[in-house]
């Protein structure tokens, strides 16, 4: 919604600029200014937050250790039992005897960290 409003605003500014000075030739920078502004807005609102999120996910996956309770991208909840650093796979125990091997990239969240953060705030009160 915001992006479409920005595009409409930029196109209307360009239209008014053409009507205000039809006898002048537009400069090269002036004609590319809406495209430059559009790229800057896209970088600020789409590319930069996605890169931050990817770095955060990578750090979380590097910090995995045995005993962490995790949820996978498929929605499987289990406990990490083995981490193979050479092939980037981990083994997750989902039941009493069920062991499943996953790539580290398949881990969506570590559930231990989510439950530990509220416990620390309650202790401070």
N, C-alpha and C. Protein backbone atom coordinates (compact mmCIF):
# COMPACT_ATOMS: atom_id res chain seq x y z
N UNK A 1 0.82 -1.18 0.00
CA UNK A 1 0.00 0.00 0.00
C UNK A 1 0.87 1.25 0.00
N UNK A 2 1.88 1.31 0.84
CA UNK A 2 2.73 2.47 0.93
C UNK A 2 3.56 2.64 -0.34
N UNK A 3 4.00 1.53 -0.90
CA UNK A 3 4.82 1.59 -2.10
C UNK A 3 4.01 2.11 -3.27
N UNK A 4 2.76 1.69 -3.40
CA UNK A 4 1.93 2.18 -4.49
C UNK A 4 1.64 3.66 -4.33
N UNK A 5 1.44 4.11 -3.09
CA UNK A 5 1.22 5.54 -2.86
C UNK A 5 2.46 6.33 -3.24
N UNK A 6 3.64 5.80 -2.94
CA UNK A 6 4.89 6.46 -3.29
C UNK A 6 5.05 6.56 -4.81
N UNK A 7 4.72 5.47 -5.51
CA UNK A 7 4.83 5.49 -6.97
C UNK A 7 3.87 6.50 -7.58
N UNK A 8 2.66 6.59 -7.07
CA UNK A 8 1.69 7.56 -7.57
C UNK A 8 2.18 8.98 -7.33
N UNK A 9 2.73 9.21 -6.13
CA UNK A 9 3.25 10.53 -5.80
C UNK A 9 4.41 10.91 -6.73
N UNK A 10 5.33 9.97 -6.94
CA UNK A 10 6.47 10.25 -7.81
C UNK A 10 6.03 10.52 -9.25
N UNK A 11 5.07 9.76 -9.74
CA UNK A 11 4.61 9.98 -11.12
C UNK A 11 3.86 11.30 -11.25
N UNK A 12 3.09 11.68 -10.21
CA UNK A 12 2.38 12.96 -10.28
C UNK A 12 3.35 14.13 -10.20
N UNK A 13 4.43 14.00 -9.41
CA UNK A 13 5.45 15.05 -9.34
C UNK A 13 6.11 15.22 -10.70
N UNK A 14 6.40 14.10 -11.35
CA UNK A 14 7.01 14.18 -12.68
C UNK A 14 6.07 14.83 -13.68
N UNK A 15 4.77 14.52 -13.60
CA UNK A 15 3.79 15.11 -14.51
C UNK A 15 3.66 16.60 -14.28
N UNK A 16 3.61 17.04 -13.03
CA UNK A 16 3.52 18.47 -12.73
C UNK A 16 4.78 19.20 -13.17
N UNK A 17 5.92 18.56 -13.03
CA UNK A 17 7.17 19.20 -13.45
C UNK A 17 7.19 19.41 -14.96
N UNK A 18 6.64 18.48 -15.71
CA UNK A 18 6.59 18.62 -17.16
C UNK A 18 5.62 19.73 -17.56
N UNK A 19 4.50 19.85 -16.86
CA UNK A 19 3.52 20.89 -17.17
C UNK A 19 4.04 22.27 -16.80
N UNK A 20 4.80 22.37 -15.72
CA UNK A 20 5.28 23.66 -15.25
C UNK A 20 6.33 24.25 -16.17
N UNK A 21 7.17 23.44 -16.72
CA UNK A 21 8.26 23.94 -17.56
C UNK A 21 8.36 23.13 -18.85
N UNK A 22 7.41 23.28 -19.77
CA UNK A 22 7.47 22.48 -21.00
C UNK A 22 8.55 22.92 -21.97
N UNK A 23 9.02 24.18 -21.86
CA UNK A 23 10.01 24.66 -22.81
C UNK A 23 11.43 24.26 -22.45
N UNK A 24 11.66 23.79 -21.22
CA UNK A 24 13.01 23.41 -20.80
C UNK A 24 13.24 21.91 -21.02
N UNK A 25 14.45 21.59 -21.39
CA UNK A 25 14.83 20.19 -21.53
C UNK A 25 15.16 19.64 -20.15
N UNK A 26 14.64 18.47 -19.80
CA UNK A 26 14.97 17.90 -18.49
C UNK A 26 16.43 17.46 -18.45
N UNK A 27 17.05 17.64 -17.31
CA UNK A 27 18.43 17.21 -17.16
C UNK A 27 18.48 15.69 -16.99
N UNK A 28 19.66 15.15 -17.19
CA UNK A 28 19.82 13.69 -17.09
C UNK A 28 19.53 13.21 -15.67
N UNK A 29 20.03 13.96 -14.68
CA UNK A 29 19.80 13.56 -13.29
C UNK A 29 18.33 13.73 -12.93
N UNK A 30 17.71 14.78 -13.43
CA UNK A 30 16.29 15.02 -13.14
C UNK A 30 15.39 13.94 -13.69
N UNK A 31 15.74 13.39 -14.82
CA UNK A 31 14.91 12.33 -15.40
C UNK A 31 15.11 10.99 -14.69
N UNK A 32 16.29 10.79 -14.10
CA UNK A 32 16.55 9.55 -13.38
C UNK A 32 16.26 9.64 -11.88
N UNK A 33 15.93 10.83 -11.40
CA UNK A 33 15.68 11.01 -9.97
C UNK A 33 14.56 10.12 -9.43
N UNK A 34 13.42 9.99 -10.12
CA UNK A 34 12.39 9.07 -9.59
C UNK A 34 12.86 7.62 -9.49
N UNK A 35 13.66 7.17 -10.45
CA UNK A 35 14.18 5.81 -10.39
C UNK A 35 15.16 5.64 -9.25
N UNK A 36 15.98 6.65 -9.04
CA UNK A 36 16.94 6.60 -7.93
C UNK A 36 16.21 6.57 -6.60
N UNK A 37 15.19 7.42 -6.46
CA UNK A 37 14.39 7.44 -5.22
C UNK A 37 13.68 6.11 -5.00
N UNK A 38 13.16 5.53 -6.06
CA UNK A 38 12.48 4.23 -5.95
C UNK A 38 13.45 3.15 -5.48
N UNK A 39 14.67 3.15 -6.03
CA UNK A 39 15.66 2.16 -5.61
C UNK A 39 16.02 2.34 -4.14
N UNK A 40 16.19 3.59 -3.70
CA UNK A 40 16.54 3.86 -2.30
C UNK A 40 15.42 3.39 -1.38
N UNK A 41 14.18 3.65 -1.73
CA UNK A 41 13.06 3.21 -0.91
C UNK A 41 12.98 1.69 -0.86
N UNK A 42 13.18 1.04 -2.00
CA UNK A 42 13.15 -0.42 -2.01
C UNK A 42 14.27 -0.99 -1.16
N UNK A 43 15.44 -0.38 -1.20
CA UNK A 43 16.55 -0.86 -0.39
C UNK A 43 16.25 -0.70 1.08
N UNK A 44 15.68 0.45 1.47
CA UNK A 44 15.40 0.71 2.89
C UNK A 44 14.31 -0.20 3.44
N UNK A 45 13.28 -0.46 2.65
CA UNK A 45 12.14 -1.20 3.17
C UNK A 45 12.14 -2.69 2.86
N UNK A 46 12.90 -3.13 1.87
CA UNK A 46 12.85 -4.55 1.51
C UNK A 46 14.20 -5.25 1.65
N UNK A 47 15.23 -4.72 1.03
CA UNK A 47 16.51 -5.43 0.95
C UNK A 47 17.23 -5.41 2.29
N UNK A 48 17.35 -4.25 2.92
CA UNK A 48 18.09 -4.12 4.17
C UNK A 48 17.48 -4.97 5.31
N UNK A 49 16.16 -4.92 5.55
CA UNK A 49 15.60 -5.77 6.62
C UNK A 49 15.77 -7.26 6.34
N UNK A 50 15.68 -7.66 5.08
CA UNK A 50 15.84 -9.08 4.74
C UNK A 50 17.26 -9.53 5.01
N UNK A 51 18.25 -8.69 4.71
CA UNK A 51 19.64 -9.04 4.98
C UNK A 51 19.89 -9.17 6.48
N UNK A 52 19.31 -8.27 7.27
CA UNK A 52 19.45 -8.36 8.73
C UNK A 52 18.83 -9.65 9.26
N UNK A 53 17.68 -10.01 8.73
CA UNK A 53 17.00 -11.24 9.16
C UNK A 53 17.83 -12.47 8.79
N UNK A 54 18.43 -12.47 7.61
CA UNK A 54 19.24 -13.61 7.19
C UNK A 54 20.48 -13.76 8.07
N UNK A 55 21.12 -12.64 8.44
CA UNK A 55 22.28 -12.70 9.32
C UNK A 55 21.89 -13.24 10.69
N UNK A 56 20.74 -12.81 11.19
CA UNK A 56 20.26 -13.27 12.50
C UNK A 56 19.99 -14.78 12.48
N UNK A 57 19.38 -15.27 11.40
CA UNK A 57 19.10 -16.70 11.27
C UNK A 57 20.40 -17.50 11.19
N UNK A 58 21.38 -16.99 10.47
CA UNK A 58 22.66 -17.68 10.34
C UNK A 58 23.38 -17.76 11.68
N UNK A 59 23.34 -16.68 12.45
CA UNK A 59 23.95 -16.69 13.79
C UNK A 59 23.25 -17.69 14.70
N UNK A 60 21.92 -17.76 14.61
CA UNK A 60 21.16 -18.70 15.42
C UNK A 60 21.54 -20.14 15.06
N UNK A 61 21.70 -20.41 13.79
CA UNK A 61 22.04 -21.77 13.36
C UNK A 61 23.47 -22.15 13.75
N UNK A 62 24.38 -21.16 13.76
CA UNK A 62 25.75 -21.44 14.19
C UNK A 62 25.82 -21.70 15.68
N UNK A 63 24.90 -21.12 16.44
CA UNK A 63 24.91 -21.26 17.90
C UNK A 63 24.17 -22.49 18.39
N UNK A 64 23.67 -23.33 17.49
CA UNK A 64 22.96 -24.55 17.91
C UNK A 64 23.89 -25.46 18.70
N UNK A 65 23.34 -26.12 19.71
CA UNK A 65 24.12 -27.07 20.50
C UNK A 65 23.23 -28.24 20.88
N UNK A 66 23.84 -29.30 21.34
CA UNK A 66 23.08 -30.48 21.74
C UNK A 66 22.15 -30.11 22.89
N UNK A 67 20.94 -30.65 22.82
CA UNK A 67 19.96 -30.41 23.87
C UNK A 67 19.02 -29.25 23.59
N UNK A 68 19.28 -28.46 22.55
CA UNK A 68 18.38 -27.37 22.20
C UNK A 68 17.08 -27.92 21.64
N UNK A 69 15.99 -27.34 22.07
CA UNK A 69 14.68 -27.70 21.53
C UNK A 69 14.43 -26.78 20.34
N UNK A 70 14.17 -27.36 19.16
CA UNK A 70 14.06 -26.58 17.92
C UNK A 70 12.76 -26.90 17.21
N UNK A 71 12.40 -25.99 16.30
CA UNK A 71 11.28 -26.24 15.38
C UNK A 71 11.83 -26.08 13.97
N UNK A 72 11.47 -27.00 13.09
CA UNK A 72 11.99 -26.98 11.72
C UNK A 72 11.03 -26.21 10.82
N UNK A 73 11.46 -25.98 9.58
CA UNK A 73 10.60 -25.30 8.62
C UNK A 73 9.38 -26.13 8.27
N UNK A 74 9.45 -27.43 8.48
CA UNK A 74 8.30 -28.31 8.23
C UNK A 74 7.35 -28.36 9.42
N UNK A 75 7.72 -27.71 10.53
CA UNK A 75 6.86 -27.67 11.71
C UNK A 75 7.14 -28.79 12.69
N UNK A 76 8.21 -29.52 12.52
CA UNK A 76 8.57 -30.62 13.42
C UNK A 76 9.31 -30.05 14.61
N UNK A 77 8.85 -30.39 15.81
CA UNK A 77 9.49 -29.94 17.03
C UNK A 77 10.27 -31.11 17.61
N UNK A 78 11.52 -30.84 18.00
CA UNK A 78 12.34 -31.89 18.56
C UNK A 78 13.54 -31.33 19.29
N UNK A 79 14.39 -32.24 19.76
CA UNK A 79 15.59 -31.86 20.50
C UNK A 79 16.82 -32.28 19.70
N UNK A 80 17.79 -31.38 19.62
CA UNK A 80 19.02 -31.66 18.88
C UNK A 80 19.83 -32.69 19.67
N UNK A 81 20.20 -33.79 18.99
CA UNK A 81 21.00 -34.82 19.65
C UNK A 81 22.41 -34.92 19.09
N UNK A 82 22.61 -34.50 17.83
CA UNK A 82 23.94 -34.59 17.23
C UNK A 82 24.09 -33.47 16.20
N UNK A 83 25.27 -32.85 16.19
CA UNK A 83 25.56 -31.80 15.22
C UNK A 83 26.82 -32.22 14.46
N UNK A 84 26.70 -32.38 13.15
CA UNK A 84 27.84 -32.73 12.30
C UNK A 84 28.31 -31.48 11.59
N UNK A 85 29.42 -30.92 12.05
CA UNK A 85 29.93 -29.66 11.51
C UNK A 85 30.50 -29.83 10.10
N UNK A 86 30.98 -31.01 9.76
CA UNK A 86 31.60 -31.19 8.46
C UNK A 86 30.58 -31.20 7.33
N UNK A 87 29.38 -31.71 7.57
CA UNK A 87 28.39 -31.79 6.49
C UNK A 87 27.18 -30.89 6.75
N UNK A 88 27.21 -30.06 7.76
CA UNK A 88 26.15 -29.13 8.13
C UNK A 88 24.80 -29.82 8.35
N UNK A 89 24.82 -31.03 8.86
CA UNK A 89 23.57 -31.70 9.21
C UNK A 89 23.48 -31.85 10.72
N UNK A 90 22.26 -31.93 11.19
CA UNK A 90 22.01 -32.17 12.60
C UNK A 90 20.99 -33.28 12.73
N UNK A 91 21.02 -33.95 13.85
CA UNK A 91 20.07 -35.01 14.13
C UNK A 91 19.13 -34.50 15.21
N UNK A 92 17.82 -34.64 14.95
CA UNK A 92 16.79 -34.16 15.87
C UNK A 92 15.98 -35.35 16.36
N UNK A 93 15.82 -35.45 17.68
CA UNK A 93 14.99 -36.50 18.27
C UNK A 93 13.58 -35.93 18.44
N UNK A 94 12.59 -36.55 17.78
CA UNK A 94 11.23 -36.06 17.84
C UNK A 94 10.38 -36.85 18.82
N UNK A 95 10.71 -38.07 19.02
CA UNK A 95 9.98 -38.91 19.96
C UNK A 95 10.98 -39.60 20.86
N UNK A 96 10.54 -40.69 21.50
CA UNK A 96 11.47 -41.39 22.38
C UNK A 96 12.55 -42.12 21.59
N UNK A 97 12.22 -42.61 20.39
CA UNK A 97 13.23 -43.34 19.60
C UNK A 97 13.37 -42.81 18.18
N UNK A 98 12.61 -41.81 17.81
CA UNK A 98 12.64 -41.30 16.44
C UNK A 98 13.72 -40.25 16.28
N UNK A 99 14.66 -40.52 15.37
CA UNK A 99 15.75 -39.58 15.06
C UNK A 99 15.65 -39.20 13.59
N UNK A 100 15.69 -37.90 13.32
CA UNK A 100 15.59 -37.40 11.95
C UNK A 100 16.79 -36.50 11.68
N UNK A 101 17.42 -36.68 10.52
CA UNK A 101 18.53 -35.83 10.11
C UNK A 101 18.00 -34.66 9.29
N UNK A 102 18.49 -33.46 9.59
CA UNK A 102 18.11 -32.24 8.88
C UNK A 102 19.36 -31.46 8.50
N UNK A 103 19.25 -30.64 7.47
CA UNK A 103 20.26 -29.63 7.19
C UNK A 103 20.06 -28.52 8.22
N UNK A 104 21.13 -27.82 8.56
CA UNK A 104 21.01 -26.71 9.51
C UNK A 104 20.07 -25.63 8.98
N UNK A 105 20.00 -25.47 7.68
CA UNK A 105 19.14 -24.44 7.09
C UNK A 105 17.66 -24.75 7.28
N UNK A 106 17.32 -25.99 7.67
CA UNK A 106 15.93 -26.36 7.89
C UNK A 106 15.44 -25.98 9.29
N UNK A 107 16.33 -25.48 10.14
CA UNK A 107 15.93 -25.08 11.49
C UNK A 107 15.36 -23.67 11.42
N UNK A 108 14.14 -23.52 11.90
CA UNK A 108 13.46 -22.23 11.86
C UNK A 108 13.68 -21.42 13.13
N UNK A 109 13.54 -22.07 14.28
CA UNK A 109 13.69 -21.38 15.56
C UNK A 109 14.25 -22.31 16.61
N UNK A 110 14.91 -21.72 17.59
CA UNK A 110 15.33 -22.45 18.78
C UNK A 110 14.33 -22.08 19.87
N UNK A 111 13.61 -23.07 20.38
CA UNK A 111 12.57 -22.79 21.36
C UNK A 111 13.12 -22.54 22.75
N UNK A 112 14.33 -23.01 23.06
CA UNK A 112 14.94 -22.77 24.37
C UNK A 112 15.14 -21.28 24.60
N UNK A 113 15.59 -20.57 23.60
CA UNK A 113 15.89 -19.14 23.74
C UNK A 113 14.61 -18.34 24.00
N UNK A 114 13.50 -18.76 23.40
CA UNK A 114 12.24 -18.05 23.59
C UNK A 114 11.70 -18.23 25.00
N UNK A 115 11.89 -19.40 25.58
CA UNK A 115 11.37 -19.63 26.92
C UNK A 115 12.31 -19.08 27.98
N UNK A 116 13.60 -18.95 27.67
CA UNK A 116 14.57 -18.44 28.64
C UNK A 116 14.46 -16.92 28.80
N UNK A 117 14.12 -16.20 27.74
CA UNK A 117 14.04 -14.74 27.80
C UNK A 117 12.94 -14.26 28.75
N UNK A 118 11.71 -14.79 28.71
CA UNK A 118 10.70 -14.34 29.68
C UNK A 118 11.04 -14.74 31.11
N UNK A 119 11.72 -15.86 31.30
CA UNK A 119 12.08 -16.29 32.65
C UNK A 119 13.06 -15.31 33.28
N UNK A 120 13.99 -14.75 32.51
CA UNK A 120 14.94 -13.79 33.02
C UNK A 120 14.25 -12.50 33.44
N UNK A 121 13.26 -12.07 32.68
CA UNK A 121 12.56 -10.84 33.02
C UNK A 121 11.71 -11.01 34.26
N UNK A 122 11.17 -12.22 34.49
CA UNK A 122 10.37 -12.46 35.70
C UNK A 122 11.26 -12.50 36.93
N UNK A 123 12.49 -12.99 36.80
CA UNK A 123 13.40 -13.05 37.92
C UNK A 123 13.82 -11.66 38.38
N UNK A 124 13.91 -10.70 37.47
CA UNK A 124 14.33 -9.34 37.80
C UNK A 124 13.26 -8.60 38.58
N UNK A 125 12.01 -8.97 38.43
CA UNK A 125 10.90 -8.27 39.10
C UNK A 125 10.84 -8.55 40.55
